[in-house]
Amino acid sequence: MRAFARLQTVGARPVCIAACSSNPVYGVQFAVNTFGQRSHPDVPAEFEVRLDINNGGVADMVIFNADIGSLTTGTNSGQNGVFVADVTTGVASGPFFYTIADLDSANAILTAPLSALHTSTGLQLNINTPFAFTVDAFDNYYTGNLTDSIGPMKYELDSPQVFTVPSSFSVASGSHSLITVFPSSPYNGNSPSQTGLLLMYTNGRTALEAGIVTVSP
């Protein structure tokens, strides 16, 4: 027996996690959308975001989701959280946030503070750091095997090619809303892997849980 998690698309963005109106403290969010829904955030898939902070061609840190109880006490809790691991030392820390996910869903959003994304060798992911990342999906129920991967992709959190204001918004049931897409000006060229926008529906969702919008210059 084995389970297959197939990645349809992934996205990344900066997110303010504290003191947003005065002295913002930033984190990063990685969004994952799969072909087909998964029964529970814990299983049958685990997602790993492998960060190449210095663009050296190898991962320096990994952001991943796991059952909080299983990873911290050895007993499953049914709560899924986001952890960070230093590849050099093999040491994981967290959970930092709950995984933003639902039952019978194709979506998952992993949030990590930038302050946690530093290595024992002195590398640090900041909001203005050009980096590369790869998203891997694993069968964590039967085999533990890698089942799909997207990347590597190059990105800089404060310099996307395009962005929306606001980055998150609510739409009343049965209604609709317009969003405005802005080009970065000036764009520094450090996010060449961005092809558009990934719109994810986290509440009141229907069968369509995510929309992929290609944006051409």
N, C-alpha and C. Protein backbone atom coordinates (compact mmCIF):
# COMPACT_ATOMS: atom_id res chain seq x y z
N MET A 1 0.84 -1.19 0.00
CA MET A 1 0.00 0.00 0.00
C MET A 1 0.88 1.25 0.00
N ARG A 2 0.40 2.29 -0.64
CA ARG A 2 1.08 3.57 -0.62
C ARG A 2 0.11 4.68 -0.96
N ALA A 3 0.43 5.87 -0.53
CA ALA A 3 -0.39 7.04 -0.80
C ALA A 3 0.41 8.02 -1.64
N PHE A 4 -0.27 8.66 -2.58
CA PHE A 4 0.40 9.61 -3.45
C PHE A 4 -0.15 11.01 -3.19
N ALA A 5 0.73 11.93 -2.85
CA ALA A 5 0.36 13.35 -2.77
C ALA A 5 0.99 14.03 -3.97
N ARG A 6 0.16 14.52 -4.87
CA ARG A 6 0.64 15.17 -6.08
C ARG A 6 0.46 16.68 -5.96
N LEU A 7 1.55 17.41 -6.12
CA LEU A 7 1.52 18.86 -5.98
C LEU A 7 1.00 19.50 -7.25
N GLN A 8 -0.01 20.37 -7.10
CA GLN A 8 -0.53 21.12 -8.24
C GLN A 8 0.19 22.45 -8.38
N THR A 9 0.32 23.17 -7.25
CA THR A 9 1.00 24.46 -7.29
C THR A 9 1.41 24.84 -5.88
N VAL A 10 2.38 25.73 -5.78
CA VAL A 10 2.84 26.23 -4.48
C VAL A 10 3.03 27.74 -4.59
N GLY A 11 3.02 28.40 -3.45
CA GLY A 11 3.22 29.84 -3.41
C GLY A 11 3.97 30.25 -2.17
N ALA A 12 4.48 31.47 -2.18
CA ALA A 12 5.22 32.00 -1.03
C ALA A 12 4.91 33.48 -0.88
N ARG A 13 4.95 33.95 0.36
CA ARG A 13 4.76 35.38 0.60
C ARG A 13 5.27 35.72 1.99
N PRO A 14 5.64 37.00 2.23
CA PRO A 14 5.94 37.44 3.59
C PRO A 14 4.64 37.67 4.34
N VAL A 15 4.67 37.56 5.65
CA VAL A 15 3.49 37.80 6.46
C VAL A 15 3.93 38.45 7.76
N CYS A 16 3.20 39.48 8.20
CA CYS A 16 3.50 40.12 9.47
C CYS A 16 2.91 39.27 10.59
N ILE A 17 3.73 38.93 11.60
CA ILE A 17 3.26 38.07 12.68
C ILE A 17 3.18 38.80 14.03
N ALA A 18 3.68 40.05 14.11
CA ALA A 18 3.60 40.81 15.37
C ALA A 18 3.90 42.28 15.10
N ALA A 19 3.34 43.15 15.94
CA ALA A 19 3.60 44.60 15.91
C ALA A 19 3.46 45.17 14.50
N CYS A 20 2.39 44.76 13.81
CA CYS A 20 2.27 45.09 12.40
C CYS A 20 2.08 46.58 12.12
N SER A 21 1.55 47.32 13.06
CA SER A 21 1.28 48.73 12.82
C SER A 21 2.44 49.64 13.21
N SER A 22 3.40 49.13 13.97
CA SER A 22 4.47 49.98 14.46
C SER A 22 5.85 49.51 14.00
N ASN A 23 6.25 48.31 14.42
CA ASN A 23 7.56 47.77 14.08
C ASN A 23 7.38 46.32 13.65
N PRO A 24 6.99 46.10 12.41
CA PRO A 24 6.57 44.76 11.98
C PRO A 24 7.61 43.67 12.20
N VAL A 25 7.12 42.55 12.69
CA VAL A 25 7.93 41.34 12.80
C VAL A 25 7.42 40.38 11.73
N TYR A 26 8.32 39.94 10.86
CA TYR A 26 7.88 39.19 9.69
C TYR A 26 8.13 37.70 9.81
N GLY A 27 7.28 36.98 9.13
CA GLY A 27 7.46 35.56 8.91
C GLY A 27 7.27 35.27 7.44
N VAL A 28 7.32 34.00 7.09
CA VAL A 28 7.11 33.60 5.71
C VAL A 28 6.03 32.52 5.69
N GLN A 29 5.20 32.56 4.66
CA GLN A 29 4.19 31.53 4.47
C GLN A 29 4.43 30.83 3.13
N PHE A 30 4.36 29.51 3.16
CA PHE A 30 4.41 28.70 1.95
C PHE A 30 3.07 27.98 1.82
N ALA A 31 2.42 28.17 0.69
CA ALA A 31 1.12 27.56 0.45
C ALA A 31 1.27 26.39 -0.51
N VAL A 32 0.53 25.32 -0.23
CA VAL A 32 0.58 24.10 -1.04
C VAL A 32 -0.84 23.74 -1.45
N ASN A 33 -1.01 23.44 -2.73
CA ASN A 33 -2.29 22.94 -3.23
C ASN A 33 -2.02 21.65 -4.00
N THR A 34 -2.74 20.59 -3.66
CA THR A 34 -2.50 19.28 -4.25
C THR A 34 -3.62 18.88 -5.20
N PHE A 35 -3.32 17.95 -6.09
CA PHE A 35 -4.35 17.31 -6.89
C PHE A 35 -5.07 16.31 -5.98
N GLY A 36 -6.33 16.57 -5.69
CA GLY A 36 -7.07 15.68 -4.79
C GLY A 36 -6.96 16.11 -3.35
N GLN A 37 -8.03 15.87 -2.62
CA GLN A 37 -8.09 16.26 -1.21
C GLN A 37 -7.42 15.21 -0.32
N ARG A 38 -6.92 15.67 0.82
CA ARG A 38 -6.34 14.79 1.83
C ARG A 38 -7.27 14.74 3.02
N SER A 39 -7.43 13.58 3.61
CA SER A 39 -8.44 13.39 4.65
C SER A 39 -8.16 14.21 5.90
N HIS A 40 -6.88 14.39 6.26
CA HIS A 40 -6.52 15.05 7.52
C HIS A 40 -5.18 15.75 7.34
N PRO A 41 -4.94 16.88 8.01
CA PRO A 41 -3.64 17.55 7.89
C PRO A 41 -2.45 16.66 8.30
N ASP A 42 -2.70 15.68 9.19
CA ASP A 42 -1.61 14.80 9.63
C ASP A 42 -1.21 13.79 8.55
N VAL A 43 -2.19 13.20 7.90
CA VAL A 43 -1.95 12.11 6.94
C VAL A 43 -2.92 12.24 5.76
N PRO A 44 -2.59 11.69 4.61
CA PRO A 44 -1.44 10.83 4.32
C PRO A 44 -0.26 11.57 3.69
N ALA A 45 -0.09 12.85 3.99
CA ALA A 45 0.99 13.59 3.34
C ALA A 45 1.70 14.51 4.34
N GLU A 46 2.99 14.61 4.16
CA GLU A 46 3.80 15.62 4.84
C GLU A 46 4.45 16.48 3.78
N PHE A 47 4.55 17.78 4.06
CA PHE A 47 5.17 18.70 3.11
C PHE A 47 6.44 19.28 3.70
N GLU A 48 7.47 19.34 2.89
CA GLU A 48 8.74 19.92 3.30
C GLU A 48 9.13 21.02 2.33
N VAL A 49 9.45 22.19 2.89
CA VAL A 49 9.97 23.30 2.10
C VAL A 49 11.46 23.38 2.38
N ARG A 50 12.25 23.08 1.37
CA ARG A 50 13.70 23.05 1.52
C ARG A 50 14.27 24.39 1.07
N LEU A 51 14.89 25.11 2.01
CA LEU A 51 15.39 26.46 1.76
C LEU A 51 16.88 26.45 1.46
N ASP A 52 17.24 26.98 0.32
CA ASP A 52 18.64 27.22 -0.03
C ASP A 52 18.89 28.70 0.16
N ILE A 53 19.32 29.06 1.36
CA ILE A 53 19.37 30.47 1.75
C ILE A 53 20.47 31.23 1.00
N ASN A 54 21.60 30.58 0.76
CA ASN A 54 22.71 31.27 0.09
C ASN A 54 22.83 30.92 -1.39
N ASN A 55 21.79 30.26 -1.94
CA ASN A 55 21.79 29.87 -3.35
C ASN A 55 23.03 29.05 -3.72
N GLY A 56 23.40 28.15 -2.81
CA GLY A 56 24.56 27.31 -3.03
C GLY A 56 24.25 25.99 -3.71
N GLY A 57 22.98 25.73 -3.98
CA GLY A 57 22.60 24.51 -4.67
C GLY A 57 22.19 23.37 -3.75
N VAL A 58 22.27 23.58 -2.43
CA VAL A 58 21.84 22.56 -1.46
C VAL A 58 20.98 23.23 -0.40
N ALA A 59 20.10 22.46 0.22
CA ALA A 59 19.21 23.00 1.25
C ALA A 59 19.98 23.30 2.53
N ASP A 60 19.67 24.43 3.13
CA ASP A 60 20.27 24.82 4.41
C ASP A 60 19.31 24.61 5.57
N MET A 61 18.01 24.80 5.31
CA MET A 61 16.98 24.63 6.33
C MET A 61 15.76 23.98 5.69
N VAL A 62 14.95 23.34 6.53
CA VAL A 62 13.72 22.71 6.06
C VAL A 62 12.57 23.18 6.96
N ILE A 63 11.50 23.65 6.33
CA ILE A 63 10.25 23.95 7.03
C ILE A 63 9.30 22.80 6.71
N PHE A 64 8.72 22.18 7.72
CA PHE A 64 7.85 21.03 7.46
C PHE A 64 6.70 21.00 8.45
N ASN A 65 5.65 20.25 8.09
CA ASN A 65 4.50 20.10 8.98
C ASN A 65 4.47 18.69 9.55
N ALA A 66 3.96 18.56 10.76
CA ALA A 66 3.89 17.25 11.42
C ALA A 66 2.88 17.32 12.55
N ASP A 67 2.43 16.14 12.99
CA ASP A 67 1.58 16.07 14.17
C ASP A 67 2.38 16.57 15.37
N ILE A 68 1.83 17.55 16.08
CA ILE A 68 2.58 18.20 17.16
C ILE A 68 2.90 17.21 18.28
N GLY A 69 1.90 16.44 18.68
CA GLY A 69 2.14 15.49 19.75
C GLY A 69 3.15 14.43 19.38
N SER A 70 3.04 13.91 18.17
CA SER A 70 3.96 12.86 17.72
C SER A 70 5.40 13.33 17.74
N LEU A 71 5.64 14.58 17.29
CA LEU A 71 7.01 15.06 17.19
C LEU A 71 7.57 15.53 18.53
N THR A 72 6.71 15.98 19.43
CA THR A 72 7.21 16.54 20.69
C THR A 72 7.13 15.57 21.87
N THR A 73 6.17 14.64 21.84
CA THR A 73 6.01 13.72 22.97
C THR A 73 6.00 12.25 22.56
N GLY A 74 5.86 11.98 21.27
CA GLY A 74 5.78 10.61 20.80
C GLY A 74 4.37 10.06 20.75
N THR A 75 3.39 10.88 21.15
CA THR A 75 1.98 10.46 21.13
C THR A 75 1.19 11.40 20.24
N ASN A 76 0.47 10.85 19.26
CA ASN A 76 -0.30 11.69 18.34
C ASN A 76 -1.33 12.53 19.08
N SER A 77 -1.43 13.79 18.66
CA SER A 77 -2.40 14.71 19.26
C SER A 77 -3.52 15.07 18.29
N GLY A 78 -3.32 14.83 16.99
CA GLY A 78 -4.29 15.26 15.99
C GLY A 78 -4.17 16.72 15.63
N GLN A 79 -3.21 17.42 16.24
CA GLN A 79 -2.95 18.83 15.91
C GLN A 79 -1.70 18.91 15.05
N ASN A 80 -1.81 19.61 13.94
CA ASN A 80 -0.71 19.69 12.99
C ASN A 80 -0.03 21.04 13.08
N GLY A 81 1.28 21.04 13.19
CA GLY A 81 2.02 22.28 13.36
C GLY A 81 3.20 22.38 12.41
N VAL A 82 3.83 23.55 12.43
CA VAL A 82 4.94 23.85 11.53
C VAL A 82 6.24 23.86 12.33
N PHE A 83 7.21 23.10 11.83
CA PHE A 83 8.52 22.96 12.47
C PHE A 83 9.61 23.41 11.50
N VAL A 84 10.78 23.70 12.07
CA VAL A 84 11.93 24.13 11.28
C VAL A 84 13.12 23.28 11.67
N ALA A 85 13.90 22.83 10.68
CA ALA A 85 15.08 22.01 10.95
C ALA A 85 16.30 22.60 10.28
N ASP A 86 17.42 22.60 10.99
CA ASP A 86 18.72 22.99 10.45
C ASP A 86 19.32 21.75 9.81
N VAL A 87 19.59 21.80 8.51
CA VAL A 87 20.08 20.62 7.80
C VAL A 87 21.45 20.20 8.32
N THR A 88 22.31 21.15 8.66
CA THR A 88 23.66 20.82 9.11
C THR A 88 23.66 20.04 10.42
N THR A 89 22.85 20.47 11.38
CA THR A 89 22.84 19.82 12.69
C THR A 89 21.79 18.73 12.79
N GLY A 90 20.78 18.79 11.91
CA GLY A 90 19.69 17.83 12.00
C GLY A 90 18.73 18.09 13.14
N VAL A 91 18.83 19.25 13.78
CA VAL A 91 18.00 19.60 14.93
C VAL A 91 16.76 20.36 14.46
N ALA A 92 15.59 19.91 14.92
CA ALA A 92 14.33 20.57 14.58
C ALA A 92 13.82 21.37 15.78
N SER A 93 13.14 22.47 15.51
CA SER A 93 12.54 23.30 16.56
C SER A 93 11.10 23.61 16.17
N GLY A 94 10.32 23.98 17.18
CA GLY A 94 8.91 24.27 16.94
C GLY A 94 8.03 23.42 17.82
N PRO A 95 6.72 23.45 17.62
CA PRO A 95 6.03 24.12 16.51
C PRO A 95 5.95 25.62 16.72
N PHE A 96 5.96 26.35 15.62
CA PHE A 96 5.87 27.80 15.68
C PHE A 96 4.44 28.29 15.43
N PHE A 97 3.73 27.62 14.54
CA PHE A 97 2.34 27.94 14.25
C PHE A 97 1.62 26.64 13.93
N TYR A 98 0.30 26.66 14.08
CA TYR A 98 -0.49 25.56 13.55
C TYR A 98 -0.46 25.62 12.02
N THR A 99 -0.47 24.46 11.39
CA THR A 99 -0.63 24.41 9.95
C THR A 99 -2.05 24.89 9.61
N ILE A 100 -2.14 25.79 8.64
CA ILE A 100 -3.45 26.27 8.21
C ILE A 100 -3.98 25.24 7.22
N ALA A 101 -4.89 24.41 7.67
CA ALA A 101 -5.38 23.30 6.87
C ALA A 101 -6.76 22.90 7.39
N ASP A 102 -7.40 21.97 6.68
CA ASP A 102 -8.74 21.55 7.04
C ASP A 102 -8.88 20.06 6.74
N LEU A 103 -9.95 19.47 7.23
CA LEU A 103 -10.26 18.09 6.88
C LEU A 103 -10.72 18.02 5.42
N ASP A 104 -10.40 16.92 4.75
CA ASP A 104 -10.80 16.72 3.35
C ASP A 104 -10.49 17.94 2.50
N SER A 105 -9.23 18.34 2.53
CA SER A 105 -8.82 19.56 1.85
C SER A 105 -7.57 19.31 1.01
N ALA A 106 -7.45 20.09 -0.06
CA ALA A 106 -6.26 20.03 -0.91
C ALA A 106 -5.26 21.14 -0.57
N ASN A 107 -5.59 21.97 0.42
CA ASN A 107 -4.76 23.12 0.76
C ASN A 107 -4.00 22.92 2.07
N ALA A 108 -2.83 23.52 2.15
CA ALA A 108 -2.09 23.61 3.40
C ALA A 108 -1.20 24.84 3.32
N ILE A 109 -1.12 25.59 4.42
CA ILE A 109 -0.26 26.77 4.48
C ILE A 109 0.65 26.62 5.69
N LEU A 110 1.95 26.70 5.43
CA LEU A 110 2.96 26.57 6.48
C LEU A 110 3.54 27.95 6.78
N THR A 111 3.50 28.35 8.06
CA THR A 111 3.98 29.67 8.49
C THR A 111 5.15 29.50 9.44
N ALA A 112 6.22 30.27 9.20
CA ALA A 112 7.39 30.22 10.07
C ALA A 112 7.92 31.63 10.28
N PRO A 113 8.36 31.97 11.49
CA PRO A 113 8.96 33.29 11.71
C PRO A 113 10.34 33.36 11.08
N LEU A 114 10.67 34.51 10.52
CA LEU A 114 12.01 34.66 9.94
C LEU A 114 13.09 34.50 11.01
N SER A 115 12.77 34.86 12.24
CA SER A 115 13.76 34.76 13.32
C SER A 115 14.20 33.33 13.57
N ALA A 116 13.38 32.35 13.16
CA ALA A 116 13.73 30.94 13.36
C ALA A 116 14.52 30.38 12.19
N LEU A 117 14.62 31.14 11.11
CA LEU A 117 15.25 30.63 9.90
C LEU A 117 16.71 31.04 9.82
N HIS A 118 17.48 30.54 10.77
CA HIS A 118 18.92 30.79 10.80
C HIS A 118 19.63 29.47 11.07
N THR A 119 20.81 29.32 10.50
CA THR A 119 21.54 28.06 10.61
C THR A 119 22.69 28.17 11.60
N SER A 120 23.21 27.01 11.97
CA SER A 120 24.37 26.96 12.86
C SER A 120 25.62 27.51 12.19
N THR A 121 25.58 27.64 10.86
CA THR A 121 26.73 28.17 10.12
C THR A 121 26.62 29.66 9.86
N GLY A 122 25.56 30.31 10.39
CA GLY A 122 25.44 31.75 10.30
C GLY A 122 24.57 32.28 9.18
N LEU A 123 23.89 31.41 8.45
CA LEU A 123 22.98 31.87 7.41
C LEU A 123 21.66 32.30 8.02
N GLN A 124 21.04 33.34 7.47
CA GLN A 124 19.78 33.87 7.98
C GLN A 124 18.90 34.28 6.81
N LEU A 125 17.66 33.81 6.81
CA LEU A 125 16.70 34.26 5.81
C LEU A 125 16.02 35.53 6.32
N ASN A 126 16.25 36.63 5.63
CA ASN A 126 15.61 37.89 5.95
C ASN A 126 14.61 38.24 4.84
N ILE A 127 13.86 39.29 5.07
CA ILE A 127 12.83 39.65 4.09
C ILE A 127 13.45 40.11 2.78
N ASN A 128 14.72 40.55 2.81
CA ASN A 128 15.39 41.02 1.60
C ASN A 128 16.48 40.06 1.13
N THR A 129 16.36 38.77 1.50
CA THR A 129 17.34 37.76 1.10
C THR A 129 16.86 37.03 -0.15
N PRO A 130 17.59 37.09 -1.26
CA PRO A 130 17.23 36.25 -2.40
C PRO A 130 17.59 34.80 -2.09
N PHE A 131 16.64 33.89 -2.27
CA PHE A 131 16.87 32.50 -1.89
C PHE A 131 16.19 31.58 -2.91
N ALA A 132 16.46 30.30 -2.78
CA ALA A 132 15.80 29.30 -3.61
C ALA A 132 15.07 28.33 -2.69
N PHE A 133 13.97 27.76 -3.18
CA PHE A 133 13.26 26.78 -2.36
C PHE A 133 12.64 25.70 -3.23
N THR A 134 12.52 24.53 -2.64
CA THR A 134 11.89 23.38 -3.28
C THR A 134 10.84 22.83 -2.32
N VAL A 135 9.68 22.48 -2.82
CA VAL A 135 8.62 21.89 -2.00
C VAL A 135 8.49 20.41 -2.35
N ASP A 136 8.62 19.57 -1.34
CA ASP A 136 8.50 18.12 -1.51
C ASP A 136 7.26 17.61 -0.79
N ALA A 137 6.62 16.60 -1.38
CA ALA A 137 5.49 15.93 -0.74
C ALA A 137 5.88 14.48 -0.47
N PHE A 138 5.54 13.99 0.73
CA PHE A 138 5.88 12.63 1.13
C PHE A 138 4.62 11.86 1.54
N ASP A 139 4.63 10.59 1.24
CA ASP A 139 3.64 9.66 1.80
C ASP A 139 4.07 9.35 3.23
N ASN A 140 3.40 9.94 4.22
CA ASN A 140 3.79 9.71 5.61
C ASN A 140 2.86 8.73 6.32
N TYR A 141 2.09 7.97 5.53
CA TYR A 141 1.16 7.00 6.13
C TYR A 141 1.62 5.56 5.92
N TYR A 142 2.06 5.26 4.69
CA TYR A 142 2.46 3.88 4.39
C TYR A 142 3.98 3.72 4.26
N THR A 143 4.59 4.50 3.34
CA THR A 143 5.96 4.20 2.94
C THR A 143 6.99 5.22 3.39
N GLY A 144 6.59 6.46 3.60
CA GLY A 144 7.55 7.53 3.88
C GLY A 144 8.26 8.02 2.64
N ASN A 145 7.84 7.56 1.46
CA ASN A 145 8.52 7.90 0.21
C ASN A 145 8.16 9.30 -0.28
N LEU A 146 9.11 9.92 -0.97
CA LEU A 146 8.85 11.15 -1.70
C LEU A 146 7.93 10.84 -2.87
N THR A 147 6.83 11.58 -2.99
CA THR A 147 5.87 11.31 -4.07
C THR A 147 5.80 12.42 -5.11
N ASP A 148 6.24 13.62 -4.79
CA ASP A 148 6.21 14.70 -5.78
C ASP A 148 7.09 15.84 -5.29
N SER A 149 7.48 16.71 -6.23
CA SER A 149 8.36 17.83 -5.88
C SER A 149 8.17 18.95 -6.89
N ILE A 150 8.26 20.19 -6.43
CA ILE A 150 8.26 21.37 -7.29
C ILE A 150 9.45 22.22 -6.90
N GLY A 151 10.25 22.60 -7.88
CA GLY A 151 11.40 23.45 -7.61
C GLY A 151 12.67 22.85 -8.19
N PRO A 152 13.78 23.56 -7.97
CA PRO A 152 13.90 24.76 -7.14
C PRO A 152 13.35 26.01 -7.83
N MET A 153 12.87 26.93 -6.98
CA MET A 153 12.35 28.21 -7.43
C MET A 153 13.10 29.32 -6.71
N LYS A 154 13.27 30.44 -7.39
CA LYS A 154 14.00 31.56 -6.81
C LYS A 154 13.03 32.69 -6.46
N TYR A 155 13.27 33.28 -5.26
CA TYR A 155 12.31 34.27 -4.77
C TYR A 155 12.98 35.18 -3.75
N GLU A 156 12.48 36.40 -3.66
CA GLU A 156 12.85 37.33 -2.59
C GLU A 156 11.56 37.89 -2.02
N LEU A 157 11.38 37.77 -0.71
CA LEU A 157 10.10 38.06 -0.09
C LEU A 157 9.64 39.50 -0.33
N ASP A 158 10.56 40.45 -0.30
CA ASP A 158 10.15 41.85 -0.44
C ASP A 158 10.19 42.33 -1.89
N SER A 159 10.42 41.41 -2.83
CA SER A 159 10.48 41.84 -4.22
C SER A 159 9.82 40.82 -5.16
N PRO A 160 8.49 40.61 -4.99
CA PRO A 160 7.79 39.79 -5.97
C PRO A 160 7.66 40.55 -7.28
N GLN A 161 7.38 39.83 -8.34
CA GLN A 161 7.14 40.52 -9.61
C GLN A 161 5.83 41.30 -9.57
N VAL A 162 4.80 40.67 -8.96
CA VAL A 162 3.50 41.31 -8.80
C VAL A 162 2.95 40.96 -7.42
N PHE A 163 2.02 41.78 -6.92
CA PHE A 163 1.42 41.54 -5.62
C PHE A 163 0.04 42.19 -5.58
N THR A 164 -0.74 41.84 -4.55
CA THR A 164 -2.06 42.43 -4.38
C THR A 164 -2.11 43.21 -3.07
N VAL A 165 -2.99 44.18 -3.01
CA VAL A 165 -3.28 44.93 -1.79
C VAL A 165 -4.78 44.97 -1.63
N PRO A 166 -5.32 44.40 -0.51
CA PRO A 166 -4.60 43.70 0.55
C PRO A 166 -4.20 42.30 0.10
N SER A 167 -3.32 41.67 0.90
CA SER A 167 -2.87 40.33 0.56
C SER A 167 -3.91 39.27 0.93
N SER A 168 -4.79 39.59 1.90
CA SER A 168 -5.88 38.70 2.30
C SER A 168 -7.15 39.52 2.42
N PHE A 169 -8.29 38.92 2.08
CA PHE A 169 -9.54 39.66 2.16
C PHE A 169 -10.70 38.68 2.28
N SER A 170 -11.84 39.21 2.69
CA SER A 170 -13.04 38.41 2.87
C SER A 170 -14.09 38.82 1.84
N VAL A 171 -14.86 37.85 1.37
CA VAL A 171 -15.94 38.10 0.42
C VAL A 171 -17.21 37.48 1.00
N ALA A 172 -18.28 38.24 1.03
CA ALA A 172 -19.54 37.75 1.59
C ALA A 172 -20.06 36.59 0.76
N SER A 173 -20.76 35.68 1.42
CA SER A 173 -21.32 34.51 0.76
C SER A 173 -22.24 34.94 -0.39
N GLY A 174 -22.06 34.31 -1.55
CA GLY A 174 -22.89 34.62 -2.70
C GLY A 174 -22.53 35.91 -3.40
N SER A 175 -21.42 36.53 -2.98
CA SER A 175 -21.03 37.80 -3.57
C SER A 175 -19.70 37.64 -4.31
N HIS A 176 -19.10 38.76 -4.68
CA HIS A 176 -17.81 38.73 -5.35
C HIS A 176 -17.07 40.01 -5.01
N SER A 177 -15.78 40.02 -5.32
CA SER A 177 -14.96 41.18 -5.03
C SER A 177 -13.86 41.29 -6.07
N LEU A 178 -13.40 42.49 -6.30
CA LEU A 178 -12.29 42.74 -7.21
C LEU A 178 -11.00 42.88 -6.43
N ILE A 179 -9.91 42.42 -6.99
CA ILE A 179 -8.60 42.66 -6.41
C ILE A 179 -7.74 43.36 -7.45
N THR A 180 -6.86 44.20 -6.96
CA THR A 180 -5.96 44.93 -7.85
C THR A 180 -4.58 44.31 -7.77
N VAL A 181 -4.01 44.04 -8.92
CA VAL A 181 -2.67 43.46 -9.00
C VAL A 181 -1.69 44.57 -9.36
N PHE A 182 -0.64 44.70 -8.53
CA PHE A 182 0.35 45.74 -8.74
C PHE A 182 1.68 45.13 -9.18
N PRO A 183 2.38 45.75 -10.11
CA PRO A 183 3.74 45.32 -10.41
C PRO A 183 4.70 45.93 -9.39
N SER A 184 5.76 45.21 -9.04
CA SER A 184 6.78 45.78 -8.18
C SER A 184 7.56 46.82 -8.97
N SER A 185 7.75 47.98 -8.37
CA SER A 185 8.46 49.05 -9.06
C SER A 185 9.43 49.73 -8.09
N PRO A 186 10.74 49.63 -8.32
CA PRO A 186 11.32 48.80 -9.38
C PRO A 186 11.44 47.35 -8.93
N TYR A 187 11.36 46.43 -9.87
CA TYR A 187 11.55 45.01 -9.59
C TYR A 187 13.02 44.67 -9.76
N ASN A 188 13.61 44.02 -8.74
CA ASN A 188 15.06 43.80 -8.77
C ASN A 188 15.50 42.49 -9.45
N GLY A 189 14.54 41.71 -9.96
CA GLY A 189 14.89 40.51 -10.71
C GLY A 189 15.15 39.28 -9.88
N ASN A 190 14.94 39.35 -8.55
CA ASN A 190 15.28 38.21 -7.68
C ASN A 190 14.13 37.23 -7.46
N SER A 191 13.01 37.43 -8.15
CA SER A 191 11.88 36.49 -8.03
C SER A 191 11.47 35.98 -9.41
N PRO A 192 12.41 35.42 -10.17
CA PRO A 192 12.09 35.02 -11.55
C PRO A 192 11.13 33.84 -11.64
N SER A 193 10.95 33.08 -10.55
CA SER A 193 10.11 31.89 -10.60
C SER A 193 8.63 32.21 -10.43
N GLN A 194 8.30 33.44 -10.05
CA GLN A 194 6.90 33.79 -9.89
C GLN A 194 6.24 33.93 -11.26
N THR A 195 5.14 33.19 -11.44
CA THR A 195 4.41 33.26 -12.71
C THR A 195 3.05 33.92 -12.57
N GLY A 196 2.65 34.23 -11.33
CA GLY A 196 1.34 34.84 -11.12
C GLY A 196 0.95 34.79 -9.67
N LEU A 197 -0.33 34.56 -9.42
CA LEU A 197 -0.88 34.58 -8.07
C LEU A 197 -1.58 33.26 -7.77
N LEU A 198 -1.44 32.82 -6.53
CA LEU A 198 -2.16 31.65 -6.03
C LEU A 198 -3.18 32.16 -5.02
N LEU A 199 -4.46 32.05 -5.36
CA LEU A 199 -5.55 32.49 -4.48
C LEU A 199 -6.12 31.26 -3.78
N MET A 200 -6.05 31.27 -2.46
CA MET A 200 -6.51 30.11 -1.69
C MET A 200 -7.73 30.49 -0.86
N TYR A 201 -8.72 29.60 -0.88
CA TYR A 201 -9.96 29.82 -0.15
C TYR A 201 -9.89 29.01 1.14
N THR A 202 -9.78 29.71 2.27
CA THR A 202 -9.55 29.02 3.54
C THR A 202 -10.81 28.87 4.38
N ASN A 203 -11.85 29.63 4.09
CA ASN A 203 -13.11 29.53 4.83
C ASN A 203 -14.26 29.50 3.84
N GLY A 204 -15.34 28.78 4.21
CA GLY A 204 -16.49 28.73 3.34
C GLY A 204 -16.16 28.20 1.97
N ARG A 205 -15.24 27.26 1.91
CA ARG A 205 -14.74 26.79 0.63
C ARG A 205 -15.75 25.89 -0.08
N THR A 206 -15.60 25.82 -1.38
CA THR A 206 -16.38 24.90 -2.20
C THR A 206 -15.43 23.86 -2.77
N ALA A 207 -15.85 23.17 -3.81
CA ALA A 207 -14.97 22.18 -4.43
C ALA A 207 -13.72 22.84 -5.00
N LEU A 208 -13.84 24.10 -5.40
CA LEU A 208 -12.68 24.85 -5.87
C LEU A 208 -12.00 25.50 -4.68
N GLU A 209 -10.87 24.99 -4.27
CA GLU A 209 -10.19 25.49 -3.08
C GLU A 209 -9.08 26.48 -3.36
N ALA A 210 -8.64 26.54 -4.60
CA ALA A 210 -7.56 27.44 -4.95
C ALA A 210 -7.69 27.86 -6.41
N GLY A 211 -7.28 29.09 -6.69
CA GLY A 211 -7.28 29.58 -8.05
C GLY A 211 -5.89 30.01 -8.45
N ILE A 212 -5.46 29.59 -9.62
CA ILE A 212 -4.15 29.94 -10.14
C ILE A 212 -4.34 31.00 -11.21
N VAL A 213 -3.78 32.18 -10.99
CA VAL A 213 -3.93 33.30 -11.92
C VAL A 213 -2.58 33.62 -12.50
N THR A 214 -2.39 33.39 -13.79
CA THR A 214 -1.14 33.74 -14.45
C THR A 214 -1.15 35.22 -14.77
N VAL A 215 -0.07 35.90 -14.44
CA VAL A 215 0.04 37.34 -14.69
C VAL A 215 1.17 37.58 -15.67
N SER A 216 0.84 38.18 -16.79
CA SER A 216 1.85 38.48 -17.81
C SER A 216 2.22 39.95 -17.74
N PRO A 217 3.50 40.28 -17.97
CA PRO A 217 3.90 41.69 -17.93
C PRO A 217 3.14 42.53 -18.95
